């Protein structure tokens, strides 16, 4: 395309050749100009905002001061300490439940069985005791302390899973032992124990080789 322009009193003819390549150059130059203007306005406006409203400029630009970083770090440490405190309390409750369970199991286990178990376990030796240390290390960053707390939580979960399996096996084992009252009696007591006693007929001291329970005639026997 050719553009002819006649100007002035002398009627001078000016000719301009308009080509696609020329239009692309003009468009690129205009776009570059506007981009540079936008960049300049952005930085000038950001500089003015820092002088007038520093807090607003930081929020818009994603800038965080050292004071804000310290405040965030302190808040995260407080939440982590709270989580560690709850985990420590849970560990204490679990230890109390385990101790109570062991006491009940000891009461329910007959003396001959306990002595046999003690003989089998006489040569057993455990490893070193490694308690949980749920405490923030001031020499480490908050993310490392958090990762260590997560690892401790996973280890605690594994211990609880093992407890559940061991306790279930112990319950099944105790459930097979004859630890219950062999006679379902409404009186709920023995009339005569094993060993030396006063004979109810002769009124003399005599050895009783059995155990007597109070029950109505025809009461069945139970061995669990």
N, C-alpha and C. Protein backbone atom coordinates (compact mmCIF):
# COMPACT_ATOMS: atom_id res chain seq x y z
N UNK A 1 0.86 -1.18 0.00
CA UNK A 1 0.00 0.00 0.00
C UNK A 1 0.90 1.23 0.00
N UNK A 2 0.49 2.23 -0.77
CA UNK A 2 1.25 3.48 -0.88
C UNK A 2 0.36 4.65 -0.51
N UNK A 3 0.85 5.53 0.36
CA UNK A 3 0.11 6.71 0.80
C UNK A 3 0.77 7.94 0.20
N UNK A 4 -0.01 8.75 -0.55
CA UNK A 4 0.48 9.96 -1.21
C UNK A 4 -0.10 11.15 -0.47
N UNK A 5 0.76 12.07 -0.09
CA UNK A 5 0.35 13.24 0.69
C UNK A 5 0.90 14.49 0.02
N UNK A 6 0.02 15.39 -0.30
CA UNK A 6 0.37 16.67 -0.94
C UNK A 6 0.29 17.75 0.12
N UNK A 7 1.40 18.45 0.39
CA UNK A 7 1.44 19.44 1.46
C UNK A 7 2.09 20.72 0.97
N UNK A 8 1.69 21.79 1.61
CA UNK A 8 2.32 23.09 1.36
C UNK A 8 1.82 23.76 0.09
N UNK A 9 2.21 25.06 -0.02
CA UNK A 9 1.77 25.84 -1.19
C UNK A 9 2.45 25.38 -2.45
N UNK A 10 3.60 24.75 -2.27
CA UNK A 10 4.34 24.27 -3.45
C UNK A 10 3.82 22.96 -3.96
N UNK A 11 2.83 22.44 -3.20
CA UNK A 11 2.21 21.16 -3.58
C UNK A 11 3.25 20.06 -3.72
N UNK A 12 4.10 20.00 -2.66
CA UNK A 12 5.11 18.95 -2.65
C UNK A 12 4.45 17.62 -2.34
N UNK A 13 4.77 16.65 -3.09
CA UNK A 13 4.16 15.33 -2.94
C UNK A 13 5.07 14.46 -2.07
N UNK A 14 4.47 13.94 -0.98
CA UNK A 14 5.19 13.02 -0.09
C UNK A 14 4.60 11.62 -0.26
N UNK A 15 5.44 10.68 -0.41
CA UNK A 15 5.00 9.29 -0.61
C UNK A 15 5.50 8.43 0.57
N UNK A 16 4.59 7.63 1.09
CA UNK A 16 4.93 6.69 2.17
C UNK A 16 4.48 5.29 1.75
N UNK A 17 5.38 4.38 1.83
CA UNK A 17 5.05 2.98 1.53
C UNK A 17 4.64 2.26 2.83
N UNK A 18 3.43 1.77 2.88
CA UNK A 18 2.90 1.05 4.05
C UNK A 18 2.94 -0.44 3.75
N UNK A 19 3.81 -1.14 4.49
CA UNK A 19 3.96 -2.58 4.31
C UNK A 19 3.63 -3.30 5.62
N UNK A 20 3.30 -4.57 5.57
CA UNK A 20 3.04 -5.31 6.82
C UNK A 20 4.23 -5.29 7.78
N UNK A 21 5.43 -5.35 7.25
CA UNK A 21 6.61 -5.32 8.12
C UNK A 21 6.73 -3.97 8.82
N UNK A 22 6.43 -2.91 8.08
CA UNK A 22 6.48 -1.58 8.68
C UNK A 22 5.43 -1.41 9.76
N UNK A 23 4.23 -1.93 9.53
CA UNK A 23 3.18 -1.85 10.54
C UNK A 23 3.56 -2.63 11.80
N UNK A 24 4.23 -3.79 11.62
CA UNK A 24 4.66 -4.56 12.78
C UNK A 24 5.70 -3.80 13.59
N UNK A 25 6.61 -3.11 12.91
CA UNK A 25 7.61 -2.32 13.63
C UNK A 25 6.97 -1.19 14.42
N UNK A 26 5.99 -0.52 13.79
CA UNK A 26 5.31 0.57 14.49
C UNK A 26 4.53 0.04 15.70
N UNK A 27 3.83 -1.09 15.53
CA UNK A 27 3.08 -1.67 16.64
C UNK A 27 3.99 -2.12 17.77
N UNK A 28 5.14 -2.72 17.43
CA UNK A 28 6.08 -3.15 18.45
C UNK A 28 6.64 -1.97 19.22
N UNK A 29 6.93 -0.87 18.49
CA UNK A 29 7.45 0.32 19.16
C UNK A 29 6.42 0.91 20.12
N UNK A 30 5.15 0.95 19.68
CA UNK A 30 4.10 1.49 20.55
C UNK A 30 3.91 0.61 21.78
N UNK A 31 3.90 -0.72 21.58
CA UNK A 31 3.73 -1.64 22.72
C UNK A 31 4.88 -1.52 23.70
N UNK A 32 6.11 -1.40 23.17
CA UNK A 32 7.27 -1.24 24.05
C UNK A 32 7.18 0.04 24.85
N UNK A 33 6.70 1.09 24.22
CA UNK A 33 6.56 2.37 24.91
C UNK A 33 5.58 2.27 26.07
N UNK A 34 4.44 1.63 25.83
CA UNK A 34 3.44 1.51 26.89
C UNK A 34 3.93 0.58 28.02
N UNK A 35 4.66 -0.48 27.66
CA UNK A 35 5.19 -1.37 28.70
C UNK A 35 6.18 -0.64 29.58
N UNK A 36 7.07 0.14 28.97
CA UNK A 36 8.04 0.91 29.75
C UNK A 36 7.34 1.94 30.62
N UNK A 37 6.29 2.56 30.08
CA UNK A 37 5.52 3.52 30.89
C UNK A 37 4.87 2.83 32.09
N UNK A 38 4.31 1.64 31.86
CA UNK A 38 3.68 0.91 32.96
C UNK A 38 4.68 0.52 34.04
N UNK A 39 5.87 0.06 33.61
CA UNK A 39 6.90 -0.30 34.59
C UNK A 39 7.33 0.92 35.39
N UNK A 40 7.51 2.03 34.69
CA UNK A 40 7.91 3.25 35.40
C UNK A 40 6.85 3.71 36.38
N UNK A 41 5.58 3.68 35.98
CA UNK A 41 4.50 4.08 36.87
C UNK A 41 4.41 3.15 38.08
N UNK A 42 4.64 1.84 37.85
CA UNK A 42 4.57 0.87 38.95
C UNK A 42 5.63 1.16 40.00
N UNK A 43 6.86 1.34 39.59
CA UNK A 43 7.93 1.57 40.55
C UNK A 43 7.81 2.93 41.22
N UNK A 44 7.40 3.92 40.45
CA UNK A 44 7.21 5.24 41.06
C UNK A 44 6.08 5.20 42.08
N UNK A 45 4.97 4.54 41.71
CA UNK A 45 3.85 4.43 42.65
C UNK A 45 4.20 3.62 43.87
N UNK A 46 5.00 2.54 43.70
CA UNK A 46 5.40 1.73 44.84
C UNK A 46 6.31 2.52 45.78
N UNK A 47 7.19 3.33 45.20
CA UNK A 47 8.07 4.15 46.02
C UNK A 47 7.28 5.19 46.80
N UNK A 48 6.29 5.80 46.15
CA UNK A 48 5.45 6.77 46.84
C UNK A 48 4.62 6.09 47.93
N UNK A 49 4.14 4.87 47.66
CA UNK A 49 3.35 4.15 48.67
C UNK A 49 4.19 3.80 49.89
N UNK A 50 5.46 3.48 49.66
CA UNK A 50 6.35 3.20 50.80
C UNK A 50 6.51 4.42 51.69
N UNK A 51 6.51 5.59 51.09
CA UNK A 51 6.66 6.81 51.87
C UNK A 51 5.37 7.20 52.58
N UNK A 52 4.23 6.98 51.93
CA UNK A 52 2.95 7.40 52.50
C UNK A 52 2.37 6.30 53.40
N UNK A 53 2.23 5.08 52.87
CA UNK A 53 1.63 3.95 53.61
C UNK A 53 2.57 2.74 53.54
N UNK A 54 3.55 2.64 54.40
CA UNK A 54 4.49 1.51 54.32
C UNK A 54 3.80 0.15 54.55
N UNK A 55 2.83 0.11 55.47
CA UNK A 55 2.17 -1.16 55.75
C UNK A 55 1.37 -1.66 54.56
N UNK A 56 0.68 -0.73 53.86
CA UNK A 56 -0.09 -1.11 52.69
C UNK A 56 0.82 -1.59 51.57
N UNK A 57 1.94 -0.92 51.41
CA UNK A 57 2.87 -1.32 50.36
C UNK A 57 3.46 -2.70 50.63
N UNK A 58 3.74 -3.00 51.89
CA UNK A 58 4.27 -4.32 52.22
C UNK A 58 3.23 -5.40 51.96
N UNK A 59 1.99 -5.09 52.28
CA UNK A 59 0.93 -6.08 52.05
C UNK A 59 0.73 -6.35 50.56
N UNK A 60 0.79 -5.29 49.75
CA UNK A 60 0.60 -5.45 48.31
C UNK A 60 1.82 -6.08 47.64
N UNK A 61 2.98 -5.75 48.11
CA UNK A 61 4.19 -6.27 47.49
C UNK A 61 4.68 -7.58 48.07
N UNK A 62 4.03 -8.11 49.11
CA UNK A 62 4.45 -9.35 49.72
C UNK A 62 5.72 -9.22 50.53
N UNK A 63 6.02 -8.05 51.03
CA UNK A 63 7.23 -7.81 51.81
C UNK A 63 6.91 -8.01 53.29
N UNK A 64 7.76 -8.76 54.00
CA UNK A 64 7.58 -9.02 55.42
C UNK A 64 8.81 -8.51 56.16
N UNK A 65 8.57 -7.76 57.22
CA UNK A 65 9.66 -7.21 58.00
C UNK A 65 10.20 -8.25 58.98
N UNK A 66 11.35 -7.96 59.57
CA UNK A 66 11.94 -8.87 60.55
C UNK A 66 11.06 -8.98 61.79
N UNK A 67 10.41 -7.88 62.17
CA UNK A 67 9.53 -7.92 63.33
C UNK A 67 8.36 -8.86 63.09
N UNK A 68 7.80 -8.79 61.87
CA UNK A 68 6.69 -9.68 61.55
C UNK A 68 7.14 -11.14 61.50
N UNK A 69 8.34 -11.39 60.98
CA UNK A 69 8.86 -12.75 60.97
C UNK A 69 9.05 -13.29 62.39
N UNK A 70 9.56 -12.46 63.27
CA UNK A 70 9.73 -12.88 64.67
C UNK A 70 8.39 -13.17 65.33
N UNK A 71 7.38 -12.35 65.01
CA UNK A 71 6.05 -12.58 65.58
C UNK A 71 5.45 -13.89 65.08
N UNK A 72 5.62 -14.17 63.77
CA UNK A 72 5.12 -15.43 63.22
C UNK A 72 5.85 -16.62 63.83
N UNK A 73 7.16 -16.51 63.99
CA UNK A 73 7.94 -17.59 64.58
C UNK A 73 7.51 -17.86 66.02
N UNK A 74 7.25 -16.80 66.77
CA UNK A 74 6.80 -16.97 68.16
C UNK A 74 5.42 -17.62 68.22
N UNK A 75 4.53 -17.24 67.29
CA UNK A 75 3.19 -17.84 67.27
C UNK A 75 3.26 -19.33 66.93
N UNK A 76 4.11 -19.68 65.95
CA UNK A 76 4.25 -21.09 65.58
C UNK A 76 4.85 -21.90 66.72
N UNK A 77 5.82 -21.34 67.43
CA UNK A 77 6.41 -22.04 68.56
C UNK A 77 5.39 -22.27 69.67
N UNK A 78 4.53 -21.28 69.89
CA UNK A 78 3.50 -21.43 70.92
C UNK A 78 2.53 -22.56 70.57
N UNK A 79 2.13 -22.62 69.30
CA UNK A 79 1.22 -23.69 68.88
C UNK A 79 1.91 -25.05 68.96
N UNK A 80 3.20 -25.09 68.60
CA UNK A 80 3.93 -26.36 68.67
C UNK A 80 4.09 -26.81 70.12
N UNK A 81 4.37 -25.89 71.02
CA UNK A 81 4.47 -26.24 72.44
C UNK A 81 3.14 -26.77 72.97
N UNK A 82 2.04 -26.17 72.52
CA UNK A 82 0.72 -26.65 72.95
C UNK A 82 0.46 -28.07 72.45
N UNK A 83 0.85 -28.34 71.20
CA UNK A 83 0.69 -29.68 70.65
C UNK A 83 1.56 -30.69 71.40
N UNK A 84 2.79 -30.31 71.71
CA UNK A 84 3.68 -31.21 72.44
C UNK A 84 3.16 -31.48 73.85
N UNK A 85 2.55 -30.48 74.47
CA UNK A 85 1.98 -30.68 75.80
C UNK A 85 0.84 -31.70 75.76
N UNK A 86 -0.02 -31.60 74.75
CA UNK A 86 -1.12 -32.55 74.62
C UNK A 86 -0.60 -33.96 74.36
N UNK A 87 0.45 -34.09 73.54
CA UNK A 87 1.03 -35.40 73.28
C UNK A 87 1.66 -35.99 74.54
N UNK A 88 2.32 -35.14 75.32
CA UNK A 88 2.92 -35.61 76.57
C UNK A 88 1.86 -36.11 77.54
N UNK A 89 0.74 -35.39 77.64
CA UNK A 89 -0.36 -35.84 78.50
C UNK A 89 -0.93 -37.17 78.01
N UNK A 90 -1.03 -37.32 76.69
CA UNK A 90 -1.54 -38.59 76.15
C UNK A 90 -0.60 -39.74 76.49
N UNK A 91 0.71 -39.49 76.41
CA UNK A 91 1.68 -40.53 76.76
C UNK A 91 1.55 -40.93 78.23
N UNK A 92 1.36 -39.94 79.10
CA UNK A 92 1.18 -40.24 80.53
C UNK A 92 -0.08 -41.07 80.76
N UNK A 93 -1.18 -40.73 80.09
CA UNK A 93 -2.41 -41.50 80.24
C UNK A 93 -2.23 -42.93 79.75
N UNK A 94 -1.51 -43.08 78.64
CA UNK A 94 -1.27 -44.42 78.11
C UNK A 94 -0.44 -45.24 79.09
N UNK A 95 0.55 -44.63 79.70
CA UNK A 95 1.37 -45.33 80.70
C UNK A 95 0.53 -45.75 81.90
N UNK A 96 -0.37 -44.87 82.35
CA UNK A 96 -1.25 -45.22 83.46
C UNK A 96 -2.18 -46.38 83.10
N UNK A 97 -2.73 -46.35 81.89
CA UNK A 97 -3.60 -47.44 81.47
C UNK A 97 -2.83 -48.76 81.37
N UNK A 98 -1.61 -48.70 80.88
CA UNK A 98 -0.80 -49.92 80.79
C UNK A 98 -0.50 -50.48 82.18
N UNK A 99 -0.17 -49.61 83.12
CA UNK A 99 0.09 -50.07 84.49
C UNK A 99 -1.15 -50.70 85.10
N UNK A 100 -2.31 -50.08 84.88
CA UNK A 100 -3.57 -50.63 85.40
C UNK A 100 -3.89 -51.96 84.75
N UNK A 101 -3.65 -52.05 83.46
CA UNK A 101 -3.89 -53.31 82.75
C UNK A 101 -3.00 -54.42 83.27
N UNK A 102 -1.73 -54.10 83.51
CA UNK A 102 -0.80 -55.11 84.04
C UNK A 102 -1.23 -55.59 85.42
N UNK A 103 -1.77 -54.68 86.23
CA UNK A 103 -2.24 -55.09 87.56
C UNK A 103 -3.43 -56.04 87.46
N UNK A 104 -4.38 -55.72 86.58
CA UNK A 104 -5.52 -56.61 86.40
C UNK A 104 -5.08 -57.96 85.85
N UNK A 105 -4.13 -57.94 84.91
CA UNK A 105 -3.64 -59.21 84.36
C UNK A 105 -2.92 -60.03 85.41
N UNK A 106 -2.21 -59.36 86.31
CA UNK A 106 -1.51 -60.07 87.38
C UNK A 106 -2.50 -60.71 88.35
N UNK A 107 -3.60 -60.00 88.64
CA UNK A 107 -4.61 -60.57 89.53
C UNK A 107 -5.33 -61.74 88.88
N UNK A 108 -5.52 -61.68 87.56
CA UNK A 108 -6.28 -62.72 86.88
C UNK A 108 -5.44 -63.94 86.53
N UNK A 109 -4.11 -63.82 86.60
CA UNK A 109 -3.24 -64.94 86.24
C UNK A 109 -3.00 -65.82 87.46
N UNK A 110 -3.28 -67.11 87.38
CA UNK A 110 -3.03 -68.01 88.52
C UNK A 110 -1.55 -68.04 88.89
N UNK A 111 -1.29 -68.34 90.17
CA UNK A 111 0.08 -68.34 90.67
C UNK A 111 0.98 -69.33 89.93
N UNK A 112 0.55 -70.58 89.65
CA UNK A 112 1.43 -71.50 88.91
C UNK A 112 1.80 -70.97 87.52
N UNK A 113 0.84 -70.31 86.87
CA UNK A 113 1.12 -69.76 85.54
C UNK A 113 2.10 -68.61 85.63
N UNK A 114 1.95 -67.77 86.66
CA UNK A 114 2.88 -66.64 86.83
C UNK A 114 4.29 -67.12 87.09
N UNK A 115 4.45 -68.16 87.90
CA UNK A 115 5.79 -68.68 88.17
C UNK A 115 6.41 -69.27 86.91
N UNK A 116 5.58 -69.93 86.09
CA UNK A 116 6.09 -70.49 84.83
C UNK A 116 6.51 -69.38 83.87
N UNK A 117 5.72 -68.33 83.80
CA UNK A 117 6.08 -67.20 82.95
C UNK A 117 7.34 -66.52 83.43
N UNK A 118 7.51 -66.43 84.75
CA UNK A 118 8.72 -65.81 85.29
C UNK A 118 9.96 -66.62 84.94
N UNK A 119 9.84 -67.96 84.93
CA UNK A 119 10.97 -68.80 84.56
C UNK A 119 11.33 -68.62 83.09
N UNK A 120 10.32 -68.52 82.23
CA UNK A 120 10.59 -68.36 80.80
C UNK A 120 11.17 -67.00 80.48
N UNK A 121 10.82 -65.98 81.27
CA UNK A 121 11.28 -64.62 80.98
C UNK A 121 12.51 -64.23 81.77
N UNK A 122 13.10 -65.20 82.51
CA UNK A 122 14.24 -64.85 83.36
C UNK A 122 15.46 -64.45 82.55
N UNK A 123 15.62 -65.00 81.34
CA UNK A 123 16.79 -64.67 80.53
C UNK A 123 16.57 -63.54 79.56
N UNK A 124 15.40 -62.94 79.56
CA UNK A 124 15.11 -61.87 78.60
C UNK A 124 15.74 -60.57 79.06
N UNK A 125 16.26 -59.83 78.11
CA UNK A 125 16.86 -58.54 78.39
C UNK A 125 16.38 -57.54 77.36
N UNK A 126 15.92 -56.42 77.81
CA UNK A 126 15.45 -55.39 76.90
C UNK A 126 16.56 -54.42 76.53
N UNK A 127 16.28 -53.58 75.55
CA UNK A 127 17.24 -52.59 75.12
C UNK A 127 17.20 -51.36 76.00
N UNK A 128 18.00 -50.36 75.68
CA UNK A 128 18.02 -49.14 76.49
C UNK A 128 16.71 -48.39 76.39
N UNK A 129 16.31 -47.82 77.49
CA UNK A 129 15.05 -47.06 77.53
C UNK A 129 15.24 -45.71 76.84
N UNK A 130 14.38 -45.45 75.88
CA UNK A 130 14.44 -44.19 75.13
C UNK A 130 13.12 -43.45 75.29
N UNK A 131 13.03 -42.57 76.25
CA UNK A 131 11.77 -41.85 76.46
C UNK A 131 11.54 -40.81 75.37
N UNK A 132 10.28 -40.43 75.21
CA UNK A 132 9.94 -39.39 74.26
C UNK A 132 10.38 -38.03 74.82
N UNK A 133 11.02 -37.25 73.98
CA UNK A 133 11.45 -35.91 74.38
C UNK A 133 10.68 -34.89 73.54
N UNK A 134 9.50 -34.59 73.98
CA UNK A 134 8.66 -33.63 73.27
C UNK A 134 8.92 -32.24 73.84
N UNK A 135 9.98 -31.64 73.35
CA UNK A 135 10.36 -30.32 73.83
C UNK A 135 11.05 -29.58 72.70
N UNK A 136 10.77 -28.29 72.59
CA UNK A 136 11.36 -27.49 71.53
C UNK A 136 12.83 -27.25 71.82
N UNK A 137 13.66 -27.50 70.82
CA UNK A 137 15.09 -27.24 70.93
C UNK A 137 15.36 -25.82 70.44
N UNK A 138 15.79 -24.92 71.30
CA UNK A 138 16.00 -23.53 70.87
C UNK A 138 17.12 -23.38 69.86
N UNK A 139 17.99 -24.38 69.74
CA UNK A 139 19.09 -24.30 68.78
C UNK A 139 18.69 -24.73 67.37
N UNK A 140 17.46 -25.18 67.22
CA UNK A 140 16.98 -25.63 65.91
C UNK A 140 15.85 -24.72 65.44
N UNK A 141 15.65 -24.71 64.14
CA UNK A 141 14.59 -23.89 63.57
C UNK A 141 13.23 -24.49 63.87
N UNK A 142 12.19 -23.69 63.63
CA UNK A 142 10.84 -24.14 63.96
C UNK A 142 10.41 -25.30 63.08
N UNK A 143 10.87 -25.32 61.81
CA UNK A 143 10.47 -26.42 60.93
C UNK A 143 11.13 -27.74 61.33
N UNK A 144 12.38 -27.68 61.81
CA UNK A 144 13.04 -28.90 62.28
C UNK A 144 12.38 -29.42 63.56
N UNK A 145 12.02 -28.51 64.46
CA UNK A 145 11.31 -28.93 65.67
C UNK A 145 9.97 -29.55 65.33
N UNK A 146 9.28 -28.98 64.36
CA UNK A 146 7.99 -29.52 63.94
C UNK A 146 8.16 -30.91 63.33
N UNK A 147 9.19 -31.08 62.48
CA UNK A 147 9.42 -32.39 61.87
C UNK A 147 9.75 -33.45 62.92
N UNK A 148 10.52 -33.08 63.94
CA UNK A 148 10.83 -34.03 65.01
C UNK A 148 9.58 -34.40 65.80
N UNK A 149 8.69 -33.44 65.99
CA UNK A 149 7.43 -33.75 66.68
C UNK A 149 6.57 -34.70 65.86
N UNK A 150 6.56 -34.51 64.55
CA UNK A 150 5.80 -35.41 63.67
C UNK A 150 6.37 -36.82 63.74
N UNK A 151 7.70 -36.93 63.74
CA UNK A 151 8.34 -38.25 63.84
C UNK A 151 7.99 -38.92 65.17
N UNK A 152 8.02 -38.17 66.26
CA UNK A 152 7.65 -38.72 67.57
C UNK A 152 6.20 -39.18 67.58
N UNK A 153 5.32 -38.43 66.93
CA UNK A 153 3.91 -38.81 66.87
C UNK A 153 3.74 -40.12 66.10
N UNK A 154 4.50 -40.29 65.02
CA UNK A 154 4.42 -41.54 64.26
C UNK A 154 4.94 -42.71 65.08
N UNK A 155 6.02 -42.50 65.83
CA UNK A 155 6.54 -43.56 66.69
C UNK A 155 5.53 -43.92 67.78
N UNK A 156 4.86 -42.92 68.34
CA UNK A 156 3.83 -43.18 69.34
C UNK A 156 2.68 -43.98 68.75
N UNK A 157 2.31 -43.68 67.53
CA UNK A 157 1.24 -44.42 66.87
C UNK A 157 1.63 -45.89 66.66
N UNK A 158 2.89 -46.13 66.32
CA UNK A 158 3.36 -47.52 66.17
C UNK A 158 3.33 -48.26 67.50
N UNK A 159 3.70 -47.57 68.58
CA UNK A 159 3.67 -48.20 69.90
C UNK A 159 2.23 -48.55 70.29
N UNK A 160 1.30 -47.63 70.03
CA UNK A 160 -0.10 -47.91 70.35
C UNK A 160 -0.64 -49.08 69.54
N UNK A 161 -0.23 -49.17 68.29
CA UNK A 161 -0.66 -50.30 67.46
C UNK A 161 -0.14 -51.61 68.03
N UNK A 162 1.12 -51.61 68.48
CA UNK A 162 1.69 -52.81 69.10
C UNK A 162 1.00 -53.14 70.42
N UNK A 163 0.69 -52.10 71.21
CA UNK A 163 -0.05 -52.32 72.46
C UNK A 163 -1.38 -53.01 72.19
N UNK A 164 -2.08 -52.54 71.18
CA UNK A 164 -3.39 -53.12 70.87
C UNK A 164 -3.26 -54.59 70.52
N UNK A 165 -2.25 -54.93 69.72
CA UNK A 165 -2.06 -56.33 69.35
C UNK A 165 -1.66 -57.18 70.55
N UNK A 166 -0.74 -56.67 71.37
CA UNK A 166 -0.29 -57.43 72.55
C UNK A 166 -1.41 -57.62 73.56
N UNK A 167 -2.19 -56.57 73.77
CA UNK A 167 -3.27 -56.67 74.76
C UNK A 167 -4.36 -57.61 74.28
N UNK A 168 -4.62 -57.62 72.99
CA UNK A 168 -5.63 -58.54 72.46
C UNK A 168 -5.17 -59.99 72.62
N UNK A 169 -3.89 -60.25 72.36
CA UNK A 169 -3.37 -61.60 72.55
C UNK A 169 -3.40 -62.01 74.02
N UNK A 170 -3.07 -61.08 74.90
CA UNK A 170 -3.09 -61.39 76.33
C UNK A 170 -4.51 -61.65 76.81
N UNK A 171 -5.47 -60.90 76.29
CA UNK A 171 -6.87 -61.13 76.66
C UNK A 171 -7.33 -62.50 76.19
N UNK A 172 -7.00 -62.86 74.95
CA UNK A 172 -7.39 -64.18 74.45
C UNK A 172 -6.74 -65.29 75.27
N UNK A 173 -5.50 -65.06 75.69
CA UNK A 173 -4.81 -66.07 76.50
C UNK A 173 -5.45 -66.21 77.88
N UNK A 174 -5.75 -65.08 78.53
CA UNK A 174 -6.38 -65.13 79.85
C UNK A 174 -7.80 -65.69 79.77
N UNK A 175 -8.46 -65.46 78.66
CA UNK A 175 -9.83 -65.94 78.50
C UNK A 175 -9.90 -67.46 78.46
N UNK A 176 -8.78 -68.12 78.13
CA UNK A 176 -8.75 -69.58 78.08
C UNK A 176 -8.43 -70.20 79.44
N UNK A 177 -7.99 -69.41 80.40
CA UNK A 177 -7.64 -69.95 81.71
C UNK A 177 -8.88 -70.10 82.59
N UNK A 178 -8.91 -71.10 83.45
CA UNK A 178 -10.05 -71.29 84.38
C UNK A 178 -9.93 -70.35 85.58
N UNK A 179 -10.16 -69.07 85.33
CA UNK A 179 -9.99 -68.08 86.40
C UNK A 179 -11.33 -67.63 86.98
N UNK A 180 -12.43 -68.15 86.45
CA UNK A 180 -13.74 -67.76 86.96
C UNK A 180 -14.23 -68.72 88.04
N UNK A 181 -15.37 -68.42 88.61
CA UNK A 181 -16.00 -69.29 89.62
C UNK A 181 -16.58 -70.50 88.89
N UNK A 182 -16.22 -71.72 89.29
CA UNK A 182 -16.68 -72.91 88.56
C UNK A 182 -18.16 -73.20 88.70
N UNK A 183 -18.81 -72.59 89.67
CA UNK A 183 -20.24 -72.84 89.90
C UNK A 183 -20.97 -71.51 89.84
N UNK A 184 -21.99 -71.45 89.00
CA UNK A 184 -22.80 -70.23 88.91
C UNK A 184 -23.77 -70.20 90.07
N UNK A 185 -23.31 -69.69 91.21
CA UNK A 185 -24.12 -69.71 92.43
C UNK A 185 -24.66 -68.32 92.71
N UNK A 186 -25.90 -68.28 93.15
CA UNK A 186 -26.49 -66.99 93.51
C UNK A 186 -25.96 -66.49 94.85
N UNK A 187 -25.34 -67.41 95.64
CA UNK A 187 -24.78 -67.01 96.92
C UNK A 187 -23.44 -66.31 96.74
N UNK A 188 -22.68 -66.71 95.71
CA UNK A 188 -21.45 -66.02 95.37
C UNK A 188 -20.31 -66.23 96.33
N UNK A 189 -20.22 -67.34 97.07
CA UNK A 189 -19.11 -67.56 98.00
C UNK A 189 -18.88 -69.05 98.15
N UNK A 190 -17.67 -69.37 98.67
CA UNK A 190 -17.34 -70.77 98.95
C UNK A 190 -17.77 -71.12 100.37
N UNK A 191 -18.24 -72.33 100.52
CA UNK A 191 -18.61 -72.79 101.87
C UNK A 191 -17.43 -73.40 102.60
N UNK A 192 -16.46 -73.91 101.83
CA UNK A 192 -15.28 -74.52 102.45
C UNK A 192 -14.12 -74.47 101.47
N UNK A 193 -12.97 -74.02 101.93
CA UNK A 193 -11.79 -73.89 101.08
C UNK A 193 -10.93 -75.14 101.17
N UNK A 194 -9.89 -75.18 100.37
CA UNK A 194 -8.97 -76.31 100.38
C UNK A 194 -8.00 -76.18 101.56
N UNK A 195 -7.64 -77.30 102.20
CA UNK A 195 -6.65 -77.29 103.27
C UNK A 195 -7.24 -77.73 104.60
N UNK A 196 -6.59 -77.31 105.67
CA UNK A 196 -7.01 -77.68 107.01
C UNK A 196 -8.26 -76.90 107.41
N UNK A 197 -9.19 -77.58 108.04
CA UNK A 197 -10.44 -76.96 108.48
C UNK A 197 -11.04 -77.77 109.63
N UNK A 198 -12.06 -77.21 110.24
CA UNK A 198 -12.83 -77.93 111.27
C UNK A 198 -13.88 -78.77 110.55
N UNK A 199 -13.81 -80.06 110.73
CA UNK A 199 -14.76 -80.95 110.07
C UNK A 199 -16.16 -80.66 110.59
N UNK A 200 -17.14 -80.42 109.68
CA UNK A 200 -18.50 -80.07 110.13
C UNK A 200 -19.22 -81.21 110.84
N UNK A 201 -18.72 -82.44 110.70
CA UNK A 201 -19.39 -83.58 111.33
C UNK A 201 -18.70 -83.98 112.63
N UNK A 202 -17.38 -84.13 112.59
CA UNK A 202 -16.66 -84.57 113.79
C UNK A 202 -16.23 -83.40 114.67
N UNK A 203 -16.28 -82.17 114.13
CA UNK A 203 -15.86 -80.97 114.86
C UNK A 203 -14.38 -81.01 115.24
N UNK A 204 -13.62 -81.83 114.54
CA UNK A 204 -12.19 -81.90 114.78
C UNK A 204 -11.42 -81.31 113.60
N UNK A 205 -10.14 -80.95 113.84
CA UNK A 205 -9.30 -80.41 112.77
C UNK A 205 -8.99 -81.52 111.78
N UNK A 206 -9.25 -81.24 110.50
CA UNK A 206 -9.05 -82.26 109.47
C UNK A 206 -8.65 -81.57 108.16
N UNK A 207 -8.02 -82.36 107.29
CA UNK A 207 -7.60 -81.84 105.98
C UNK A 207 -8.73 -82.00 104.97
N UNK A 208 -9.06 -80.89 104.30
CA UNK A 208 -10.10 -80.90 103.28
C UNK A 208 -9.43 -80.85 101.92
N UNK A 209 -9.61 -81.88 101.10
CA UNK A 209 -8.90 -82.00 99.83
C UNK A 209 -9.67 -81.42 98.65
N UNK A 210 -10.64 -80.58 98.90
CA UNK A 210 -11.41 -79.98 97.81
C UNK A 210 -11.89 -78.60 98.17
N UNK A 211 -12.76 -78.05 97.32
CA UNK A 211 -13.36 -76.74 97.54
C UNK A 211 -14.86 -76.88 97.40
N UNK A 212 -15.61 -76.37 98.37
CA UNK A 212 -17.06 -76.47 98.36
C UNK A 212 -17.67 -75.10 98.07
N UNK A 213 -18.69 -75.09 97.20
CA UNK A 213 -19.42 -73.88 96.86
C UNK A 213 -20.88 -74.05 97.23
N UNK A 214 -21.48 -72.96 97.62
CA UNK A 214 -22.90 -72.98 97.93
C UNK A 214 -23.70 -72.81 96.64
N UNK A 215 -24.62 -73.74 96.40
CA UNK A 215 -25.45 -73.68 95.20
C UNK A 215 -26.65 -74.58 95.40
N UNK A 216 -27.68 -74.30 94.65
CA UNK A 216 -28.88 -75.13 94.72
C UNK A 216 -28.64 -76.44 93.98
N UNK A 217 -29.39 -77.50 94.31
CA UNK A 217 -29.21 -78.79 93.64
C UNK A 217 -29.43 -78.67 92.13
N UNK A 218 -28.58 -79.36 91.37
CA UNK A 218 -28.69 -79.36 89.92
C UNK A 218 -27.97 -78.23 89.23
N UNK A 219 -27.22 -77.40 89.99
CA UNK A 219 -26.49 -76.29 89.37
C UNK A 219 -25.36 -76.83 88.51
N UNK A 220 -25.25 -76.32 87.27
CA UNK A 220 -24.20 -76.76 86.36
C UNK A 220 -22.85 -76.16 86.71
N UNK A 221 -21.79 -76.71 86.10
CA UNK A 221 -20.43 -76.26 86.34
C UNK A 221 -19.96 -75.39 85.18
N UNK A 222 -19.15 -74.43 85.51
CA UNK A 222 -18.55 -73.54 84.52
C UNK A 222 -17.06 -73.46 84.80
N UNK A 223 -16.24 -73.60 83.77
CA UNK A 223 -14.79 -73.64 83.96
C UNK A 223 -14.11 -72.42 83.35
N UNK A 224 -14.81 -71.32 83.22
CA UNK A 224 -14.20 -70.11 82.65
C UNK A 224 -14.42 -68.96 83.62
